[in-house]
Amino acid sequence: MDVCERRTGGPEFREDVDGADAVQRYQALVTAVDDGTYQPDTEGRVVVVNEALVEATGYDRDALLGEHRSLLLGPADVERHGGESRVDAEPGEGSTFRLTLPAVEER
């Protein structure tokens, strides 16, 4: 079977799952994934984070929830998306990390 055929075939999986069951399946998937995974809301705030991401970043889960996803981006991520990163540092004053990403047109 062609991959495209498989993708369009089998809609019964999507249609036979009610809302509560879909949430449980999603939570099980995110929990089981070995890679760090998060989900932002429409404003970019982290609303779901798995244990792998907590371990990889060293952040406490509660510290990540509600933060903007830019907290999780490194300079390579920013550059890959056409943005720029900059660090302004003053001895004894701390550092400010600035990330600029291009706007995305709504579809």
Protein backbone atom coordinates (compact mmCIF):
# COMPACT_ATOMS: atom_id res chain seq x y z
CA MET A 1 0.00 0.00 0.00
CA ASP A 2 1.23 3.47 -0.90
CA VAL A 3 1.95 5.75 2.06
CA CYS A 4 -0.43 8.37 0.63
CA GLU A 5 -3.18 5.77 0.47
CA ARG A 6 -2.59 4.84 4.09
CA ARG A 7 -2.75 8.47 5.11
CA THR A 8 -6.12 9.00 3.48
CA GLY A 9 -7.38 5.56 4.45
CA GLY A 10 -8.45 4.67 7.95
CA PRO A 11 -10.44 7.74 8.98
CA GLU A 12 -12.34 5.45 11.34
CA PHE A 13 -9.51 5.90 13.84
CA ARG A 14 -10.08 9.64 14.04
CA GLU A 15 -13.86 9.42 13.93
CA ASP A 16 -14.43 6.69 16.52
CA VAL A 17 -12.50 8.38 19.34
CA ASP A 18 -14.52 10.57 21.68
CA GLY A 19 -13.00 13.66 23.32
CA ALA A 20 -12.10 12.03 26.65
CA ASP A 21 -10.56 8.98 24.98
CA ALA A 22 -8.57 11.19 22.60
CA VAL A 23 -7.15 13.16 25.55
CA GLN A 24 -6.14 9.94 27.31
CA ARG A 25 -4.43 8.64 24.17
CA TYR A 26 -2.63 11.95 23.67
CA GLN A 27 -1.43 11.98 27.29
CA ALA A 28 -0.22 8.38 27.03
CA LEU A 29 1.69 9.19 23.84
CA VAL A 30 3.36 12.31 25.26
CA THR A 31 4.31 10.41 28.42
CA ALA A 32 5.78 7.45 26.50
CA VAL A 33 7.92 9.48 24.07
CA ASP A 34 11.63 9.45 24.88
CA ASP A 35 12.19 12.89 23.31
CA GLY A 36 11.40 16.07 25.19
CA THR A 37 7.93 17.16 24.15
CA TYR A 38 5.84 20.20 24.94
CA GLN A 39 2.68 21.82 23.64
CA PRO A 40 2.14 25.57 23.59
CA ASP A 41 -1.22 27.30 23.66
CA THR A 42 -2.20 29.82 20.99
CA GLU A 43 -0.06 32.51 22.66
CA GLY A 44 3.04 30.31 22.90
CA ARG A 45 2.73 29.48 26.61
CA VAL A 46 3.68 25.91 27.57
CA VAL A 47 0.59 23.96 28.65
CA VAL A 48 1.87 20.35 28.38
CA VAL A 49 5.36 19.06 29.08
CA ASN A 50 6.63 15.50 29.42
CA GLU A 51 9.17 14.09 31.86
CA ALA A 52 11.83 13.71 29.15
CA LEU A 53 11.82 17.49 28.58
CA VAL A 54 11.92 18.18 32.31
CA GLU A 55 15.00 15.94 32.62
CA ALA A 56 16.68 17.35 29.49
CA THR A 57 16.28 21.00 30.49
CA GLY A 58 16.75 20.68 34.24
CA TYR A 59 13.72 22.90 34.81
CA ASP A 60 11.02 21.92 37.27
CA ARG A 61 7.75 20.98 35.53
CA ASP A 62 5.84 23.72 37.35
CA ALA A 63 8.46 26.26 36.29
CA LEU A 64 7.96 25.35 32.61
CA LEU A 65 4.17 25.37 32.63
CA GLY A 66 2.91 28.82 31.75
CA GLU A 67 6.29 30.03 30.44
CA HIS A 68 6.64 31.12 26.82
CA ARG A 69 8.06 28.45 24.54
CA SER A 70 10.95 30.75 23.61
CA LEU A 71 12.47 29.71 26.95
CA LEU A 72 13.10 26.32 25.33
CA LEU A 73 14.73 27.63 22.15
CA GLY A 74 18.47 27.74 21.70
CA PRO A 75 20.39 29.93 19.25
CA ALA A 76 20.47 27.16 16.61
CA ASP A 77 16.67 26.80 16.82
CA VAL A 78 16.19 30.53 16.38
CA GLU A 79 18.55 30.72 13.39
CA ARG A 80 16.93 27.67 11.75
CA HIS A 81 13.61 29.55 11.80
CA GLY A 82 15.12 32.69 10.29
CA GLY A 83 15.48 34.60 13.55
CA GLU A 84 18.30 36.17 15.51
CA SER A 85 19.56 35.74 19.06
CA ARG A 86 21.57 38.20 21.14
CA VAL A 87 22.89 38.33 24.68
CA ASP A 88 23.37 41.61 26.52
CA ALA A 89 25.46 41.15 29.66
CA GLU A 90 26.73 43.53 32.30
CA PRO A 91 29.07 42.25 35.03
CA GLY A 92 27.19 42.24 38.31
CA GLU A 93 23.93 43.19 36.59
CA GLY A 94 22.96 39.90 34.92
CA SER A 95 22.21 38.99 31.35
CA THR A 96 19.35 39.55 28.96
CA PHE A 97 18.76 37.02 26.20
CA ARG A 98 16.89 38.40 23.22
CA LEU A 99 15.31 36.13 20.61
CA THR A 100 13.68 37.56 17.51
CA LEU A 101 11.61 35.30 15.28
CA PRO A 102 9.90 36.27 12.04
CA ALA A 103 6.12 36.59 12.14
CA VAL A 104 4.17 33.75 10.62
CA GLU A 105 1.29 34.54 8.30
CA GLU A 106 -2.00 32.98 9.34
CA ARG A 107 -3.35 30.42 6.95
